[in-house]
Every structure is written in C-alpha cells, then in structure tokens.
Amino acid sequence: MEDNLTREVFDTGLSKIRHEIKSRLVTHGFFGSITFADIEPADPVPSGSRIEISVKGRTVGQSFTRTEIEGCHLRVGGAVLAGVVAMIQELSQ
C-alpha cells in the first residue's frame, strides 16, 4: 500500500511539472511535446526522471532526482523550477 502512495506522489510531481512547462511554453507562444524517461527503474518508484521538451525541431532536457520530483507534488519549485525556466529560455533563444 505504501508503495502505491509513494508512486502516486512521484507521478503527481511529474504531472505538476508537465503542467508548469506547458504553461510557460504558452507564454512564449510555443507548443511542444514533453517526454519523461525514468532513470534506473526501481521496484515501485524510479530513482529519478529525465524530462525533455521538444519545440519546433529543437529538444532540450534535464534530469531530476526522485526527491526533487516528489517535492513538486504540491507545487513546482526549487531546483526543478529553475531547471524548467532554464530549458524554456534555451528554447526561446
């Protein structure tokens, strides 16, 4: 039961991050695809995830740890928010 709850927190964090990226892309007039790739899949929850954003043929990506992603289950902030902003800036140049 606890494994399901831990996986739910991780998945909720990824969902919040996806929403944050999409909302920031819109402010720049972009529409793109967002991909998540698990890093070293563990039994119930991976140790992290690589997030890639593709817009107009350009792709940027960054890896985040499980702890960073789970910390975003309520609101995206900290290192993840800084990484998202950096990826969006790189795409807008």
N, C-alpha and C. Protein backbone atom coordinates (compact mmCIF):
# COMPACT_ATOMS: atom_id res chain seq x y z
N MET A 1 0.82 -1.19 0.00
CA MET A 1 0.00 0.00 0.00
C MET A 1 0.87 1.26 0.00
N GLU A 2 1.93 1.25 0.80
CA GLU A 2 2.81 2.42 0.86
C GLU A 2 3.53 2.63 -0.46
N ASP A 3 3.85 1.53 -1.17
CA ASP A 3 4.50 1.65 -2.48
C ASP A 3 3.60 2.41 -3.45
N ASN A 4 2.29 2.11 -3.42
CA ASN A 4 1.35 2.81 -4.30
C ASN A 4 1.29 4.29 -3.96
N LEU A 5 1.32 4.63 -2.67
CA LEU A 5 1.28 6.02 -2.25
C LEU A 5 2.54 6.74 -2.70
N THR A 6 3.71 6.10 -2.56
CA THR A 6 4.96 6.70 -2.99
C THR A 6 4.96 6.92 -4.49
N ARG A 7 4.50 5.96 -5.24
CA ARG A 7 4.43 6.10 -6.70
C ARG A 7 3.44 7.21 -7.07
N GLU A 8 2.37 7.33 -6.30
CA GLU A 8 1.38 8.38 -6.58
C GLU A 8 1.98 9.77 -6.37
N VAL A 9 2.78 9.94 -5.34
CA VAL A 9 3.43 11.23 -5.08
C VAL A 9 4.40 11.56 -6.22
N PHE A 10 5.16 10.56 -6.66
CA PHE A 10 6.10 10.74 -7.77
C PHE A 10 5.35 11.12 -9.05
N ASP A 11 4.31 10.39 -9.38
CA ASP A 11 3.53 10.66 -10.59
C ASP A 11 2.84 12.01 -10.53
N THR A 12 2.36 12.40 -9.35
CA THR A 12 1.73 13.71 -9.19
C THR A 12 2.76 14.81 -9.41
N GLY A 13 3.97 14.61 -8.91
CA GLY A 13 5.05 15.58 -9.14
C GLY A 13 5.34 15.74 -10.62
N LEU A 14 5.41 14.63 -11.35
CA LEU A 14 5.64 14.70 -12.80
C LEU A 14 4.50 15.42 -13.51
N SER A 15 3.29 15.18 -13.07
CA SER A 15 2.14 15.84 -13.67
C SER A 15 2.19 17.35 -13.44
N LYS A 16 2.53 17.76 -12.23
CA LYS A 16 2.65 19.20 -11.92
C LYS A 16 3.76 19.84 -12.75
N ILE A 17 4.87 19.12 -12.92
CA ILE A 17 5.98 19.64 -13.72
C ILE A 17 5.54 19.80 -15.17
N ARG A 18 4.84 18.82 -15.71
CA ARG A 18 4.34 18.88 -17.09
C ARG A 18 3.43 20.10 -17.26
N HIS A 19 2.55 20.32 -16.31
CA HIS A 19 1.64 21.46 -16.39
C HIS A 19 2.41 22.79 -16.32
N GLU A 20 3.41 22.86 -15.47
CA GLU A 20 4.24 24.07 -15.35
C GLU A 20 4.96 24.36 -16.66
N ILE A 21 5.52 23.33 -17.27
CA ILE A 21 6.24 23.50 -18.54
C ILE A 21 5.27 23.99 -19.62
N LYS A 22 4.11 23.34 -19.73
CA LYS A 22 3.15 23.73 -20.76
C LYS A 22 2.70 25.18 -20.58
N SER A 23 2.45 25.59 -19.34
CA SER A 23 2.00 26.96 -19.10
C SER A 23 3.10 27.97 -19.43
N ARG A 24 4.36 27.62 -19.19
CA ARG A 24 5.46 28.52 -19.53
C ARG A 24 5.73 28.55 -21.03
N LEU A 25 5.51 27.44 -21.71
CA LEU A 25 5.66 27.42 -23.16
C LEU A 25 4.64 28.34 -23.83
N VAL A 26 3.43 28.33 -23.32
CA VAL A 26 2.36 29.14 -23.90
C VAL A 26 2.70 30.63 -23.81
N THR A 27 3.30 31.06 -22.72
CA THR A 27 3.63 32.49 -22.58
C THR A 27 4.67 32.93 -23.62
N HIS A 28 5.44 31.98 -24.15
CA HIS A 28 6.42 32.29 -25.20
C HIS A 28 5.86 32.03 -26.60
N GLY A 29 4.61 31.60 -26.66
CA GLY A 29 3.99 31.32 -27.95
C GLY A 29 4.41 29.98 -28.54
N PHE A 30 4.87 29.07 -27.70
CA PHE A 30 5.33 27.76 -28.16
C PHE A 30 4.29 26.69 -27.84
N PHE A 31 4.32 25.65 -28.66
CA PHE A 31 3.58 24.43 -28.39
C PHE A 31 4.57 23.31 -28.64
N GLY A 32 4.73 22.42 -27.68
CA GLY A 32 5.71 21.36 -27.85
C GLY A 32 5.29 20.09 -27.15
N SER A 33 6.13 19.10 -27.26
CA SER A 33 5.87 17.83 -26.58
C SER A 33 6.85 17.68 -25.42
N ILE A 34 6.35 17.05 -24.37
CA ILE A 34 7.14 16.84 -23.16
C ILE A 34 7.23 15.34 -22.92
N THR A 35 8.46 14.86 -22.71
CA THR A 35 8.69 13.44 -22.52
C THR A 35 9.39 13.21 -21.19
N PHE A 36 8.95 12.17 -20.49
CA PHE A 36 9.60 11.76 -19.25
C PHE A 36 10.20 10.37 -19.45
N ALA A 37 11.46 10.21 -19.06
CA ALA A 37 12.12 8.90 -19.14
C ALA A 37 12.66 8.57 -17.76
N ASP A 38 12.18 7.47 -17.19
CA ASP A 38 12.63 7.07 -15.85
C ASP A 38 14.11 6.73 -15.85
N ILE A 39 14.77 7.08 -14.77
CA ILE A 39 16.18 6.77 -14.56
C ILE A 39 16.25 5.58 -13.62
N GLU A 40 16.96 4.55 -14.02
CA GLU A 40 17.15 3.35 -13.21
C GLU A 40 15.87 2.92 -12.51
N PRO A 41 14.95 2.31 -13.22
CA PRO A 41 13.70 1.90 -12.59
C PRO A 41 13.93 1.00 -11.39
N ALA A 42 13.40 1.42 -10.28
CA ALA A 42 13.45 0.62 -9.07
C ALA A 42 12.15 -0.18 -8.99
N ASP A 43 11.97 -0.91 -7.90
CA ASP A 43 10.76 -1.73 -7.77
C ASP A 43 9.50 -0.89 -7.95
N PRO A 44 9.12 -0.08 -6.98
CA PRO A 44 7.89 0.68 -7.19
C PRO A 44 8.11 2.06 -7.83
N VAL A 45 9.23 2.71 -7.52
CA VAL A 45 9.45 4.09 -7.96
C VAL A 45 10.87 4.23 -8.51
N PRO A 46 11.04 4.89 -9.67
CA PRO A 46 12.38 5.11 -10.22
C PRO A 46 13.18 6.09 -9.36
N SER A 47 14.49 6.10 -9.54
CA SER A 47 15.35 6.99 -8.76
C SER A 47 15.34 8.42 -9.29
N GLY A 48 14.69 8.65 -10.41
CA GLY A 48 14.60 9.98 -10.98
C GLY A 48 13.99 9.91 -12.36
N SER A 49 14.01 11.04 -13.04
CA SER A 49 13.43 11.09 -14.38
C SER A 49 14.14 12.15 -15.21
N ARG A 50 14.28 11.86 -16.49
CA ARG A 50 14.82 12.85 -17.43
C ARG A 50 13.65 13.45 -18.17
N ILE A 51 13.57 14.77 -18.14
CA ILE A 51 12.48 15.49 -18.78
C ILE A 51 13.03 16.17 -20.02
N GLU A 52 12.38 15.92 -21.16
CA GLU A 52 12.79 16.53 -22.42
C GLU A 52 11.62 17.30 -23.02
N ILE A 53 11.94 18.49 -23.54
CA ILE A 53 10.94 19.34 -24.19
C ILE A 53 11.35 19.50 -25.65
N SER A 54 10.43 19.23 -26.55
CA SER A 54 10.69 19.39 -27.99
C SER A 54 9.76 20.46 -28.55
N VAL A 55 10.38 21.48 -29.16
CA VAL A 55 9.62 22.58 -29.76
C VAL A 55 10.29 22.94 -31.08
N LYS A 56 9.51 22.95 -32.15
CA LYS A 56 9.99 23.37 -33.47
C LYS A 56 11.30 22.68 -33.87
N GLY A 57 11.40 21.40 -33.63
CA GLY A 57 12.58 20.65 -34.03
C GLY A 57 13.76 20.75 -33.07
N ARG A 58 13.64 21.54 -32.04
CA ARG A 58 14.71 21.67 -31.03
C ARG A 58 14.30 20.90 -29.79
N THR A 59 15.26 20.23 -29.17
CA THR A 59 14.99 19.46 -27.96
C THR A 59 15.99 19.83 -26.88
N VAL A 60 15.48 20.06 -25.68
CA VAL A 60 16.32 20.28 -24.51
C VAL A 60 15.85 19.32 -23.44
N GLY A 61 16.76 18.95 -22.56
CA GLY A 61 16.40 18.03 -21.50
C GLY A 61 17.24 18.23 -20.26
N GLN A 62 16.71 17.73 -19.17
CA GLN A 62 17.40 17.81 -17.90
C GLN A 62 16.91 16.67 -17.01
N SER A 63 17.80 16.17 -16.17
CA SER A 63 17.44 15.09 -15.25
C SER A 63 17.20 15.64 -13.86
N PHE A 64 16.23 15.03 -13.19
CA PHE A 64 15.91 15.40 -11.82
C PHE A 64 15.83 14.13 -10.97
N THR A 65 16.17 14.25 -9.71
CA THR A 65 16.13 13.10 -8.80
C THR A 65 14.71 12.85 -8.33
N ARG A 66 14.53 11.68 -7.77
CA ARG A 66 13.22 11.30 -7.24
C ARG A 66 12.78 12.29 -6.16
N THR A 67 13.69 12.68 -5.29
CA THR A 67 13.37 13.61 -4.21
C THR A 67 12.92 14.96 -4.75
N GLU A 68 13.60 15.46 -5.77
CA GLU A 68 13.22 16.74 -6.37
C GLU A 68 11.83 16.66 -6.99
N ILE A 69 11.55 15.57 -7.67
CA ILE A 69 10.25 15.41 -8.33
C ILE A 69 9.15 15.25 -7.29
N GLU A 70 9.38 14.44 -6.28
CA GLU A 70 8.37 14.26 -5.24
C GLU A 70 8.12 15.55 -4.48
N GLY A 71 9.11 16.43 -4.40
CA GLY A 71 8.94 17.72 -3.75
C GLY A 71 8.02 18.65 -4.52
N CYS A 72 7.69 18.29 -5.74
CA CYS A 72 6.81 19.11 -6.59
C CYS A 72 5.38 18.59 -6.61
N HIS A 73 5.04 17.65 -5.73
CA HIS A 73 3.69 17.08 -5.78
C HIS A 73 2.61 18.09 -5.40
N LEU A 74 2.97 19.16 -4.70
CA LEU A 74 2.00 20.22 -4.41
C LEU A 74 2.20 21.44 -5.31
N ARG A 75 3.46 21.82 -5.48
CA ARG A 75 3.78 23.00 -6.29
C ARG A 75 5.22 22.86 -6.80
N VAL A 76 5.44 23.22 -8.05
CA VAL A 76 6.77 23.14 -8.65
C VAL A 76 7.61 24.29 -8.09
N GLY A 77 8.79 23.94 -7.61
CA GLY A 77 9.67 24.97 -7.05
C GLY A 77 11.09 24.46 -6.96
N GLY A 78 11.95 25.26 -6.39
CA GLY A 78 13.34 24.89 -6.15
C GLY A 78 14.12 24.61 -7.41
N ALA A 79 14.93 23.57 -7.35
CA ALA A 79 15.81 23.21 -8.47
C ALA A 79 15.02 22.81 -9.71
N VAL A 80 13.87 22.21 -9.52
CA VAL A 80 13.06 21.80 -10.68
C VAL A 80 12.54 23.03 -11.42
N LEU A 81 12.02 24.01 -10.69
CA LEU A 81 11.53 25.22 -11.33
C LEU A 81 12.66 25.96 -12.03
N ALA A 82 13.82 26.03 -11.40
CA ALA A 82 14.98 26.67 -12.03
C ALA A 82 15.37 25.92 -13.31
N GLY A 83 15.32 24.61 -13.28
CA GLY A 83 15.63 23.81 -14.47
C GLY A 83 14.63 24.00 -15.58
N VAL A 84 13.35 24.08 -15.22
CA VAL A 84 12.30 24.30 -16.22
C VAL A 84 12.49 25.66 -16.88
N VAL A 85 12.74 26.70 -16.08
CA VAL A 85 12.95 28.05 -16.61
C VAL A 85 14.16 28.06 -17.54
N ALA A 86 15.24 27.39 -17.15
CA ALA A 86 16.44 27.35 -17.99
C ALA A 86 16.18 26.64 -19.32
N MET A 87 15.41 25.56 -19.28
CA MET A 87 15.10 24.84 -20.53
C MET A 87 14.25 25.71 -21.46
N ILE A 88 13.27 26.40 -20.90
CA ILE A 88 12.41 27.27 -21.70
C ILE A 88 13.22 28.41 -22.30
N GLN A 89 14.10 29.00 -21.52
CA GLN A 89 14.96 30.08 -22.03
C GLN A 89 15.85 29.59 -23.16
N GLU A 90 16.38 28.39 -23.02
CA GLU A 90 17.22 27.82 -24.07
C GLU A 90 16.44 27.62 -25.36
N LEU A 91 15.19 27.20 -25.24
CA LEU A 91 14.35 27.01 -26.42
C LEU A 91 13.97 28.34 -27.07
N SER A 92 13.85 29.39 -26.28
CA SER A 92 13.38 30.66 -26.82
C SER A 92 14.50 31.47 -27.48
N GLN A 93 15.73 31.03 -27.37
CA GLN A 93 16.85 31.77 -27.97
C GLN A 93 17.02 31.41 -29.43
